[in-house]
Amino acid sequence: MPAEPSGAPRRNPAPDTSWAQPGQVAAPARNEAPDDAAWESFPGATAVPDAEAAATLPQLPEVPPLVPVDEAAIPAPRTPPAPVRPPPVPNRVSLLGARTMGAGGMAVGLALGFPIVSARVAVGVHRRVDVLAGVDSAYGLMNELRVGARWMVLDGGPRWSVGVAVEGSHAFFLRPASVEDRGARYYSGRRNWNVLPGVVGNLQIAGARSPRLFLDVRYLMALDTEPIQGVPLGGLPPDVALSGAFPVRLGAEIPVSEKTSYALTIGGDIRTRPDETDFMPVITFGVVTGF
């Protein structure tokens, strides 16, 4: 076999296990003064420049020291003031009282109740005079067309007023009087032709949108062109029978806006006819608005 060249390492030499042996470190003697230079000369340490060398270095800006802040001294954030709303505009639209609409003004109303449903219109032709028109219905059993006028005699400003009103009407009945027994004539108190003069007034409590109370007292003069004889052997009835009643209404117009109000009416008719009840109650609820 060829001989190995001189100076080459032997094949498969023995491993070097010297790394596994613990190193020998000289321990300082007991109560020996520590070597400060050994601690300060750790790897990567830098030397502090002298005064002359430090003068050439860039200067960092001085940072003021941190001072604790008193939270109580911090002012609270200001809240924006609440928006100021303009005062509400007073509601002066009245259809059921004595206050008129004024020249060029107009008010309309619709009411449902017992025994009548009605629709009304008031148009101002003068500062104190309104022309009235309307339709009353006993739910189809009687339909009545009404025209009239309202005059505000006493004007107490925005709080109260007193006036007079008169209306005339013609009623159309679904059934003739000869076959009607306690029907539309009995409940409504109306006859073929009717005239209603009376006194009206209103009072409004302090406040722009406070309820406006009203009172309406009339005399109903009814002309019956088809009267019937209710007494046996009483003879022929007259061609026209005249009778009367006293409608009394009171209630309130409750404003919900500048020109619109709810209207509540209670009252009744005091009858004088011998063949009818002495008192017929009336209640209605409706809406009144102006233009």
C-alpha atoms as a PDB file:
ATOM      1  CA  MET A   1       0.000   0.000   0.000  1.00  0.00           C
ATOM      2  CA  PRO A   2       1.243   3.442  -0.719  1.00  0.00           C
ATOM      3  CA  ALA A   3       2.658   5.264   2.161  1.00  0.00           C
ATOM      4  CA  GLU A   4       0.833   8.372   3.543  1.00  0.00           C
ATOM      5  CA  PRO A   5       2.476  11.688   2.831  1.00  0.00           C
ATOM      6  CA  SER A   6       4.399  13.180   5.671  1.00  0.00           C
ATOM      7  CA  GLY A   7       2.756  16.048   7.645  1.00  0.00           C
ATOM      8  CA  ALA A   8      -0.885  15.018   6.847  1.00  0.00           C
ATOM      9  CA  PRO A   9      -3.281  14.396   9.770  1.00  0.00           C
ATOM     10  CA  ARG A  10      -3.954  10.914  10.697  1.00  0.00           C
ATOM     11  CA  ARG A  11      -7.124   9.324   9.518  1.00  0.00           C
ATOM     12  CA  ASN A  12      -9.776   9.130  12.226  1.00  0.00           C
ATOM     13  CA  PRO A  13      -7.772  11.011  14.848  1.00  0.00           C
ATOM     14  CA  ALA A  14      -8.889  10.979  18.481  1.00  0.00           C
ATOM     15  CA  PRO A  15     -11.450  13.774  19.301  1.00  0.00           C
ATOM     16  CA  ASP A  16     -10.359  16.851  21.206  1.00  0.00           C
ATOM     17  CA  THR A  17     -12.239  16.868  24.490  1.00  0.00           C
ATOM     18  CA  SER A  18     -10.493  19.812  25.972  1.00  0.00           C
ATOM     19  CA  TRP A  19     -13.655  22.004  25.590  1.00  0.00           C
ATOM     20  CA  ALA A  20     -15.481  19.803  28.062  1.00  0.00           C
ATOM     21  CA  GLN A  21     -13.007  20.542  30.859  1.00  0.00           C
ATOM     22  CA  PRO A  22     -14.022  23.471  33.127  1.00  0.00           C
ATOM     23  CA  GLY A  23     -11.802  26.481  32.862  1.00  0.00           C
ATOM     24  CA  GLN A  24      -9.747  27.657  35.749  1.00  0.00           C
ATOM     25  CA  VAL A  25     -10.683  31.184  36.872  1.00  0.00           C
ATOM     26  CA  ALA A  26      -8.721  32.842  39.544  1.00  0.00           C
ATOM     27  CA  ALA A  27     -11.065  33.762  42.373  1.00  0.00           C
ATOM     28  CA  PRO A  28     -10.393  36.950  44.312  1.00  0.00           C
ATOM     29  CA  ALA A  29      -9.118  36.604  47.769  1.00  0.00           C
ATOM     30  CA  ARG A  30     -11.525  37.109  50.680  1.00  0.00           C
ATOM     31  CA  ASN A  31     -12.039  40.761  51.659  1.00  0.00           C
ATOM     32  CA  GLU A  32     -10.059  41.883  48.660  1.00  0.00           C
ATOM     33  CA  ALA A  33     -10.918  45.334  47.285  1.00  0.00           C
ATOM     34  CA  PRO A  34     -12.969  45.102  44.041  1.00  0.00           C
ATOM     35  CA  ASP A  35     -11.289  45.971  40.814  1.00  0.00           C
ATOM     36  CA  ASP A  36     -13.444  48.894  39.481  1.00  0.00           C
ATOM     37  CA  ALA A  37     -11.467  49.063  36.295  1.00  0.00           C
ATOM     38  CA  ALA A  38     -12.584  45.562  35.382  1.00  0.00           C
ATOM     39  CA  TRP A  39     -16.262  46.577  35.656  1.00  0.00           C
ATOM     40  CA  GLU A  40     -15.912  49.758  33.666  1.00  0.00           C
ATOM     41  CA  SER A  41     -13.986  48.156  30.837  1.00  0.00           C
ATOM     42  CA  PHE A  42     -16.875  45.991  29.627  1.00  0.00           C
ATOM     43  CA  PRO A  43     -17.010  45.320  25.885  1.00  0.00           C
ATOM     44  CA  GLY A  44     -18.553  48.135  23.910  1.00  0.00           C
ATOM     45  CA  ALA A  45     -18.039  50.807  26.568  1.00  0.00           C
ATOM     46  CA  THR A  46     -17.432  54.320  25.327  1.00  0.00           C
ATOM     47  CA  ALA A  47     -15.433  57.011  26.897  1.00  0.00           C
ATOM     48  CA  VAL A  48     -17.122  60.215  28.085  1.00  0.00           C
ATOM     49  CA  PRO A  49     -15.742  63.173  26.123  1.00  0.00           C
ATOM     50  CA  ASP A  50     -13.945  65.920  27.962  1.00  0.00           C
ATOM     51  CA  ALA A  51     -15.250  69.484  28.185  1.00  0.00           C
ATOM     52  CA  GLU A  52     -13.407  70.677  25.077  1.00  0.00           C
ATOM     53  CA  ALA A  53     -14.434  67.636  23.035  1.00  0.00           C
ATOM     54  CA  ALA A  54     -18.001  67.843  24.282  1.00  0.00           C
ATOM     55  CA  ALA A  55     -18.307  71.457  23.108  1.00  0.00           C
ATOM     56  CA  THR A  56     -18.030  70.366  19.499  1.00  0.00           C
ATOM     57  CA  LEU A  57     -20.880  67.848  19.811  1.00  0.00           C
ATOM     58  CA  PRO A  58     -24.424  68.831  18.704  1.00  0.00           C
ATOM     59  CA  GLN A  59     -26.557  70.098  21.571  1.00  0.00           C
ATOM     60  CA  LEU A  60     -29.963  68.538  22.173  1.00  0.00           C
ATOM     61  CA  PRO A  61     -32.864  70.871  22.991  1.00  0.00           C
ATOM     62  CA  GLU A  62     -33.604  71.246  26.644  1.00  0.00           C
ATOM     63  CA  VAL A  63     -36.790  69.515  27.740  1.00  0.00           C
ATOM     64  CA  PRO A  64     -38.667  71.149  30.604  1.00  0.00           C
ATOM     65  CA  PRO A  65     -39.218  68.903  33.554  1.00  0.00           C
ATOM     66  CA  LEU A  66     -42.552  67.160  33.907  1.00  0.00           C
ATOM     67  CA  VAL A  67     -44.835  68.929  36.326  1.00  0.00           C
ATOM     68  CA  PRO A  68     -47.941  67.195  37.737  1.00  0.00           C
ATOM     69  CA  VAL A  69     -51.138  68.858  36.563  1.00  0.00           C
ATOM     70  CA  ASP A  70     -53.966  69.564  38.939  1.00  0.00           C
ATOM     71  CA  GLU A  71     -57.079  68.125  37.284  1.00  0.00           C
ATOM     72  CA  ALA A  72     -59.291  70.455  39.264  1.00  0.00           C
ATOM     73  CA  ALA A  73     -57.605  73.450  37.636  1.00  0.00           C
ATOM     74  CA  ILE A  74     -58.437  72.238  34.111  1.00  0.00           C
ATOM     75  CA  PRO A  75     -61.571  74.112  32.953  1.00  0.00           C
ATOM     76  CA  ALA A  76     -64.452  71.936  31.888  1.00  0.00           C
ATOM     77  CA  PRO A  77     -65.335  72.040  28.186  1.00  0.00           C
ATOM     78  CA  ARG A  78     -67.957  74.642  27.439  1.00  0.00           C
ATOM     79  CA  THR A  79     -71.282  73.292  26.280  1.00  0.00           C
ATOM     80  CA  PRO A  80     -72.962  75.238  23.488  1.00  0.00           C
ATOM     81  CA  PRO A  81     -75.940  77.259  24.697  1.00  0.00           C
ATOM     82  CA  ALA A  82     -79.354  75.855  23.976  1.00  0.00           C
ATOM     83  CA  PRO A  83     -81.005  77.387  20.908  1.00  0.00           C
ATOM     84  CA  VAL A  84     -83.498  80.084  21.754  1.00  0.00           C
ATOM     85  CA  ARG A  85     -86.856  79.293  20.238  1.00  0.00           C
ATOM     86  CA  PRO A  86     -89.176  82.098  19.218  1.00  0.00           C
ATOM     87  CA  PRO A  87     -92.349  82.404  21.279  1.00  0.00           C
ATOM     88  CA  PRO A  88     -95.357  80.542  19.831  1.00  0.00           C
ATOM     89  CA  VAL A  89     -97.699  82.541  17.653  1.00  0.00           C
ATOM     90  CA  PRO A  90    -101.123  82.939  19.319  1.00  0.00           C
ATOM     91  CA  ASN A  91    -104.012  81.054  17.754  1.00  0.00           C
ATOM     92  CA  ARG A  92    -106.825  83.477  16.869  1.00  0.00           C
ATOM     93  CA  VAL A  93    -108.855  81.222  14.568  1.00  0.00           C
ATOM     94  CA  SER A  94    -112.314  80.783  16.075  1.00  0.00           C
ATOM     95  CA  LEU A  95    -115.317  79.260  14.360  1.00  0.00           C
ATOM     96  CA  LEU A  96    -117.567  78.456  17.302  1.00  0.00           C
ATOM     97  CA  GLY A  97    -117.165  81.606  19.415  1.00  0.00           C
ATOM     98  CA  ALA A  98    -117.693  85.305  18.820  1.00  0.00           C
ATOM     99  CA  ARG A  99    -114.206  86.167  17.543  1.00  0.00           C
ATOM    100  CA  THR A 100    -114.442  86.941  13.840  1.00  0.00           C
ATOM    101  CA  MET A 101    -111.834  86.148  11.198  1.00  0.00           C
ATOM    102  CA  GLY A 102    -111.290  89.700   9.993  1.00  0.00           C
ATOM    103  CA  ALA A 103    -111.518  90.966   6.427  1.00  0.00           C
ATOM    104  CA  GLY A 104    -110.221  88.294   4.035  1.00  0.00           C
ATOM    105  CA  GLY A 105    -109.785  85.589   6.665  1.00  0.00           C
ATOM    106  CA  MET A 106    -111.396  82.177   6.457  1.00  0.00           C
ATOM    107  CA  ALA A 107    -111.961  79.294   8.864  1.00  0.00           C
ATOM    108  CA  VAL A 108    -113.351  75.833   8.229  1.00  0.00           C
ATOM    109  CA  GLY A 109    -114.417  73.122  10.630  1.00  0.00           C
ATOM    110  CA  LEU A 110    -115.628  69.534  10.681  1.00  0.00           C
ATOM    111  CA  ALA A 111    -117.360  67.888  13.650  1.00  0.00           C
ATOM    112  CA  LEU A 112    -118.689  64.396  14.365  1.00  0.00           C
ATOM    113  CA  GLY A 113    -121.016  63.514  17.191  1.00  0.00           C
ATOM    114  CA  PHE A 114    -124.576  62.844  18.295  1.00  0.00           C
ATOM    115  CA  PRO A 115    -127.068  63.419  16.793  1.00  0.00           C
ATOM    116  CA  ILE A 116    -125.492  65.621  14.085  1.00  0.00           C
ATOM    117  CA  VAL A 117    -122.346  65.722  11.958  1.00  0.00           C
ATOM    118  CA  SER A 118    -121.542  69.124  10.547  1.00  0.00           C
ATOM    119  CA  ALA A 119    -119.192  71.132   8.349  1.00  0.00           C
ATOM    120  CA  ARG A 120    -118.785  74.904   8.697  1.00  0.00           C
ATOM    121  CA  VAL A 121    -117.114  77.756   6.809  1.00  0.00           C
ATOM    122  CA  ALA A 122    -116.653  81.349   8.054  1.00  0.00           C
ATOM    123  CA  VAL A 123    -115.381  84.074   5.701  1.00  0.00           C
ATOM    124  CA  GLY A 124    -114.477  87.523   7.008  1.00  0.00           C
ATOM    125  CA  VAL A 125    -116.070  90.399   5.101  1.00  0.00           C
ATOM    126  CA  HIS A 126    -115.273  93.026   7.742  1.00  0.00           C
ATOM    127  CA  ARG A 127    -113.093  93.229  10.826  1.00  0.00           C
ATOM    128  CA  ARG A 128    -116.102  92.343  12.967  1.00  0.00           C
ATOM    129  CA  VAL A 129    -118.426  90.561  10.522  1.00  0.00           C
ATOM    130  CA  ASP A 130    -118.228  87.016   9.121  1.00  0.00           C
ATOM    131  CA  VAL A 131    -120.455  85.249   6.621  1.00  0.00           C
ATOM    132  CA  LEU A 132    -121.283  81.678   7.654  1.00  0.00           C
ATOM    133  CA  ALA A 133    -122.192  78.632   5.591  1.00  0.00           C
ATOM    134  CA  GLY A 134    -122.455  74.975   6.464  1.00  0.00           C
ATOM    135  CA  VAL A 135    -124.044  71.565   6.158  1.00  0.00           C
ATOM    136  CA  ASP A 136    -125.593  69.490   8.954  1.00  0.00           C
ATOM    137  CA  SER A 137    -126.564  65.856   8.579  1.00  0.00           C
ATOM    138  CA  ALA A 138    -128.272  63.305  10.803  1.00  0.00           C
ATOM    139  CA  TYR A 139    -126.095  60.618   9.211  1.00  0.00           C
ATOM    140  CA  GLY A 140    -128.047  60.749   5.959  1.00  0.00           C
ATOM    141  CA  LEU A 141    -131.547  60.701   7.464  1.00  0.00           C
ATOM    142  CA  MET A 142    -131.645  64.495   7.360  1.00  0.00           C
ATOM    143  CA  ASN A 143    -129.435  66.895   5.392  1.00  0.00           C
ATOM    144  CA  GLU A 144    -129.572  70.622   6.113  1.00  0.00           C
ATOM    145  CA  LEU A 145    -128.042  73.575   4.259  1.00  0.00           C
ATOM    146  CA  ARG A 146    -127.251  76.600   6.455  1.00  0.00           C
ATOM    147  CA  VAL A 147    -126.261  80.221   5.752  1.00  0.00           C
ATOM    148  CA  GLY A 148    -125.859  83.075   8.193  1.00  0.00           C
ATOM    149  CA  ALA A 149    -123.659  85.790   9.672  1.00  0.00           C
ATOM    150  CA  ARG A 150    -121.720  86.551  12.851  1.00  0.00           C
ATOM    151  CA  TRP A 151    -121.117  90.006  14.310  1.00  0.00           C
ATOM    152  CA  MET A 152    -118.593  90.625  17.086  1.00  0.00           C
ATOM    153  CA  VAL A 153    -120.314  93.340  19.117  1.00  0.00           C
ATOM    154  CA  LEU A 154    -117.820  93.588  22.014  1.00  0.00           C
ATOM    155  CA  ASP A 155    -114.114  93.074  21.387  1.00  0.00           C
ATOM    156  CA  GLY A 156    -112.124  92.440  24.556  1.00  0.00           C
ATOM    157  CA  GLY A 157    -108.835  91.952  22.753  1.00  0.00           C
ATOM    158  CA  PRO A 158    -107.280  88.519  22.440  1.00  0.00           C
ATOM    159  CA  ARG A 159    -108.908  87.257  25.665  1.00  0.00           C
ATOM    160  CA  TRP A 160    -112.661  87.628  25.248  1.00  0.00           C
ATOM    161  CA  SER A 161    -115.374  88.775  22.864  1.00  0.00           C
ATOM    162  CA  VAL A 162    -119.173  88.779  22.696  1.00  0.00           C
ATOM    163  CA  GLY A 163    -121.338  88.861  19.603  1.00  0.00           C
ATOM    164  CA  VAL A 164    -124.551  87.818  17.938  1.00  0.00           C
ATOM    165  CA  ALA A 165    -125.126  85.216  15.239  1.00  0.00           C
ATOM    166  CA  VAL A 166    -128.066  84.230  13.074  1.00  0.00           C
ATOM    167  CA  GLU A 167    -128.459  81.323  10.654  1.00  0.00           C
ATOM    168  CA  GLY A 168    -131.226  80.117   8.399  1.00  0.00           C
ATOM    169  CA  SER A 169    -131.523  76.630   6.980  1.00  0.00           C
ATOM    170  CA  HIS A 170    -133.553  74.302   4.836  1.00  0.00           C
ATOM    171  CA  ALA A 171    -133.655  70.634   5.791  1.00  0.00           C
ATOM    172  CA  PHE A 172    -134.254  67.670   3.493  1.00  0.00           C
ATOM    173  CA  PHE A 173    -135.563  64.520   5.189  1.00  0.00           C
ATOM    174  CA  LEU A 174    -135.140  61.020   3.857  1.00  0.00           C
ATOM    175  CA  ARG A 175    -138.584  59.902   5.043  1.00  0.00           C
ATOM    176  CA  PRO A 176    -141.861  61.873   5.067  1.00  0.00           C
ATOM    177  CA  ALA A 177    -143.245  62.958   8.425  1.00  0.00           C
ATOM    178  CA  SER A 178    -146.319  60.720   8.062  1.00  0.00           C
ATOM    179  CA  VAL A 179    -144.262  57.517   8.247  1.00  0.00           C
ATOM    180  CA  GLU A 180    -141.521  58.703  10.560  1.00  0.00           C
ATOM    181  CA  ASP A 181    -141.687  57.768  14.225  1.00  0.00           C
ATOM    182  CA  ARG A 182    -138.903  59.261  16.348  1.00  0.00           C
ATOM    183  CA  GLY A 183    -136.565  59.603  13.422  1.00  0.00           C
ATOM    184  CA  ALA A 184    -134.468  62.493  12.151  1.00  0.00           C
ATOM    185  CA  ARG A 185    -137.025  65.145  13.134  1.00  0.00           C
ATOM    186  CA  TYR A 186    -137.235  63.852  16.685  1.00  0.00           C
ATOM    187  CA  TYR A 187    -133.478  63.687  17.300  1.00  0.00           C
ATOM    188  CA  SER A 188    -132.364  66.799  15.406  1.00  0.00           C
ATOM    189  CA  GLY A 189    -135.257  69.076  16.341  1.00  0.00           C
ATOM    190  CA  ARG A 190    -135.219  70.522  12.828  1.00  0.00           C
ATOM    191  CA  ARG A 191    -138.100  70.924  10.450  1.00  0.00           C
ATOM    192  CA  ASN A 192    -138.276  71.926   6.812  1.00  0.00           C
ATOM    193  CA  TRP A 193    -137.300  75.566   7.448  1.00  0.00           C
ATOM    194  CA  ASN A 194    -135.345  76.799  10.463  1.00  0.00           C
ATOM    195  CA  VAL A 195    -134.073  80.122  11.814  1.00  0.00           C
ATOM    196  CA  LEU A 196    -131.503  80.267  14.643  1.00  0.00           C
ATOM    197  CA  PRO A 197    -130.705  83.708  16.114  1.00  0.00           C
ATOM    198  CA  GLY A 198    -128.661  83.899  19.303  1.00  0.00           C
ATOM    199  CA  VAL A 199    -125.754  85.163  21.380  1.00  0.00           C
ATOM    200  CA  VAL A 200    -122.202  83.822  21.221  1.00  0.00           C
ATOM    201  CA  GLY A 201    -119.133  84.533  23.306  1.00  0.00           C
ATOM    202  CA  ASN A 202    -115.632  83.243  23.947  1.00  0.00           C
ATOM    203  CA  LEU A 203    -112.982  83.490  26.671  1.00  0.00           C
ATOM    204  CA  GLN A 204    -109.334  82.491  26.308  1.00  0.00           C
ATOM    205  CA  ILE A 205    -107.182  81.859  29.373  1.00  0.00           C
ATOM    206  CA  ALA A 206    -103.741  83.490  29.546  1.00  0.00           C
ATOM    207  CA  GLY A 207    -101.295  81.873  27.140  1.00  0.00           C
ATOM    208  CA  ALA A 208    -100.699  81.841  23.404  1.00  0.00           C
ATOM    209  CA  ARG A 209    -101.938  78.245  22.984  1.00  0.00           C
ATOM    210  CA  SER A 210    -104.369  78.032  25.893  1.00  0.00           C
ATOM    211  CA  PRO A 211    -107.893  76.623  25.290  1.00  0.00           C
ATOM    212  CA  ARG A 212    -110.508  79.086  24.071  1.00  0.00           C
ATOM    213  CA  LEU A 213    -113.836  78.505  25.819  1.00  0.00           C
ATOM    214  CA  PHE A 214    -117.043  79.390  24.003  1.00  0.00           C
ATOM    215  CA  LEU A 215    -120.772  79.637  24.715  1.00  0.00           C
ATOM    216  CA  ASP A 216    -123.542  79.567  22.095  1.00  0.00           C
ATOM    217  CA  VAL A 217    -127.173  80.155  23.107  1.00  0.00           C
ATOM    218  CA  ARG A 218    -129.784  80.225  20.326  1.00  0.00           C
ATOM    219  CA  TYR A 219    -133.506  80.150  19.763  1.00  0.00           C
ATOM    220  CA  LEU A 220    -134.624  77.646  17.137  1.00  0.00           C
ATOM    221  CA  MET A 221    -137.726  78.715  15.292  1.00  0.00           C
ATOM    222  CA  ALA A 222    -138.813  75.785  13.106  1.00  0.00           C
ATOM    223  CA  LEU A 223    -141.442  75.916  10.341  1.00  0.00           C
ATOM    224  CA  ASP A 224    -142.922  72.534   9.524  1.00  0.00           C
ATOM    225  CA  THR A 225    -144.512  72.509   6.044  1.00  0.00           C
ATOM    226  CA  GLU A 226    -145.747  68.929   6.399  1.00  0.00           C
ATOM    227  CA  PRO A 227    -147.242  68.692   9.887  1.00  0.00           C
ATOM    228  CA  ILE A 228    -149.266  65.668  10.928  1.00  0.00           C
ATOM    229  CA  GLN A 229    -152.215  65.356  13.274  1.00  0.00           C
ATOM    230  CA  GLY A 230    -151.349  63.222  16.240  1.00  0.00           C
ATOM    231  CA  VAL A 231    -154.714  63.378  17.945  1.00  0.00           C
ATOM    232  CA  PRO A 232    -157.585  61.186  16.666  1.00  0.00           C
ATOM    233  CA  LEU A 233    -160.499  63.206  15.346  1.00  0.00           C
ATOM    234  CA  GLY A 234    -158.377  66.317  15.645  1.00  0.00           C
ATOM    235  CA  GLY A 235    -159.227  67.535  12.201  1.00  0.00           C
ATOM    236  CA  LEU A 236    -156.888  68.538   9.424  1.00  0.00           C
ATOM    237  CA  PRO A 237    -153.468  69.836  10.482  1.00  0.00           C
ATOM    238  CA  PRO A 238    -152.489  73.389   9.452  1.00  0.00           C
ATOM    239  CA  ASP A 239    -150.443  73.966   6.341  1.00  0.00           C
ATOM    240  CA  VAL A 240    -147.500  75.294   8.371  1.00  0.00           C
ATOM    241  CA  ALA A 241    -146.779  74.496  12.016  1.00  0.00           C
ATOM    242  CA  LEU A 242    -144.480  76.781  13.999  1.00  0.00           C
ATOM    243  CA  SER A 243    -142.512  75.475  16.981  1.00  0.00           C
ATOM    244  CA  GLY A 244    -139.521  76.516  19.020  1.00  0.00           C
ATOM    245  CA  ALA A 245    -136.574  75.191  20.993  1.00  0.00           C
ATOM    246  CA  PHE A 246    -133.489  76.540  22.792  1.00  0.00           C
ATOM    247  CA  PRO A 247    -130.188  75.006  21.632  1.00  0.00           C
ATOM    248  CA  VAL A 248    -127.415  75.609  24.181  1.00  0.00           C
ATOM    249  CA  ARG A 249    -123.815  74.737  23.352  1.00  0.00           C
ATOM    250  CA  LEU A 250    -120.630  75.184  25.354  1.00  0.00           C
ATOM    251  CA  GLY A 251    -117.161  73.815  24.829  1.00  0.00           C
ATOM    252  CA  ALA A 252    -113.585  74.672  23.967  1.00  0.00           C
ATOM    253  CA  GLU A 253    -111.346  75.154  20.956  1.00  0.00           C
ATOM    254  CA  ILE A 254    -107.960  73.695  21.939  1.00  0.00           C
ATOM    255  CA  PRO A 255    -105.109  75.082  19.766  1.00  0.00           C
ATOM    256  CA  VAL A 256    -102.460  72.680  18.515  1.00  0.00           C
ATOM    257  CA  SER A 257    -100.748  75.131  16.131  1.00  0.00           C
ATOM    258  CA  GLU A 258    -100.989  78.708  14.942  1.00  0.00           C
ATOM    259  CA  LYS A 259    -104.150  78.081  12.916  1.00  0.00           C
ATOM    260  CA  THR A 260    -105.520  74.663  13.924  1.00  0.00           C
ATOM    261  CA  SER A 261    -107.521  73.628  16.992  1.00  0.00           C
ATOM    262  CA  TYR A 262    -109.455  70.675  18.275  1.00  0.00           C
ATOM    263  CA  ALA A 263    -113.054  71.511  19.182  1.00  0.00           C
ATOM    264  CA  LEU A 264    -115.149  69.812  21.835  1.00  0.00           C
ATOM    265  CA  THR A 265    -118.829  70.734  22.216  1.00  0.00           C
ATOM    266  CA  ILE A 266    -121.377  69.570  24.750  1.00  0.00           C
ATOM    267  CA  GLY A 267    -124.891  70.805  25.417  1.00  0.00           C
ATOM    268  CA  GLY A 268    -128.412  70.076  24.352  1.00  0.00           C
ATOM    269  CA  ASP A 269    -131.736  71.309  22.994  1.00  0.00           C
ATOM    270  CA  ILE A 270    -134.444  72.426  25.384  1.00  0.00           C
ATOM    271  CA  ARG A 271    -137.623  71.473  23.508  1.00  0.00           C
ATOM    272  CA  THR A 272    -141.100  73.042  23.813  1.00  0.00           C
ATOM    273  CA  ARG A 273    -143.015  70.679  21.529  1.00  0.00           C
ATOM    274  CA  PRO A 274    -145.506  68.512  23.432  1.00  0.00           C
ATOM    275  CA  ASP A 275    -144.810  65.401  21.334  1.00  0.00           C
ATOM    276  CA  GLU A 276    -141.007  65.479  21.876  1.00  0.00           C
ATOM    277  CA  THR A 277    -138.635  65.037  24.771  1.00  0.00           C
ATOM    278  CA  ASP A 278    -137.980  68.015  27.001  1.00  0.00           C
ATOM    279  CA  PHE A 279    -134.196  67.817  26.572  1.00  0.00           C
ATOM    280  CA  MET A 280    -132.048  66.256  23.832  1.00  0.00           C
ATOM    281  CA  PRO A 281    -128.324  65.982  24.674  1.00  0.00           C
ATOM    282  CA  VAL A 282    -125.693  66.917  22.091  1.00  0.00           C
ATOM    283  CA  ILE A 283    -121.958  66.122  21.985  1.00  0.00           C
ATOM    284  CA  THR A 284    -119.497  66.631  19.128  1.00  0.00           C
ATOM    285  CA  PHE A 285    -115.743  66.516  18.549  1.00  0.00           C
ATOM    286  CA  GLY A 286    -114.067  68.158  15.596  1.00  0.00           C
ATOM    287  CA  VAL A 287    -111.254  70.191  14.082  1.00  0.00           C
ATOM    288  CA  VAL A 288    -111.105  73.909  13.223  1.00  0.00           C
ATOM    289  CA  THR A 289    -108.421  75.433  11.006  1.00  0.00           C
ATOM    290  CA  GLY A 290    -107.826  78.758   9.324  1.00  0.00           C
ATOM    291  CA  PHE A 291    -106.554  79.927   5.944  1.00  0.00           C
END
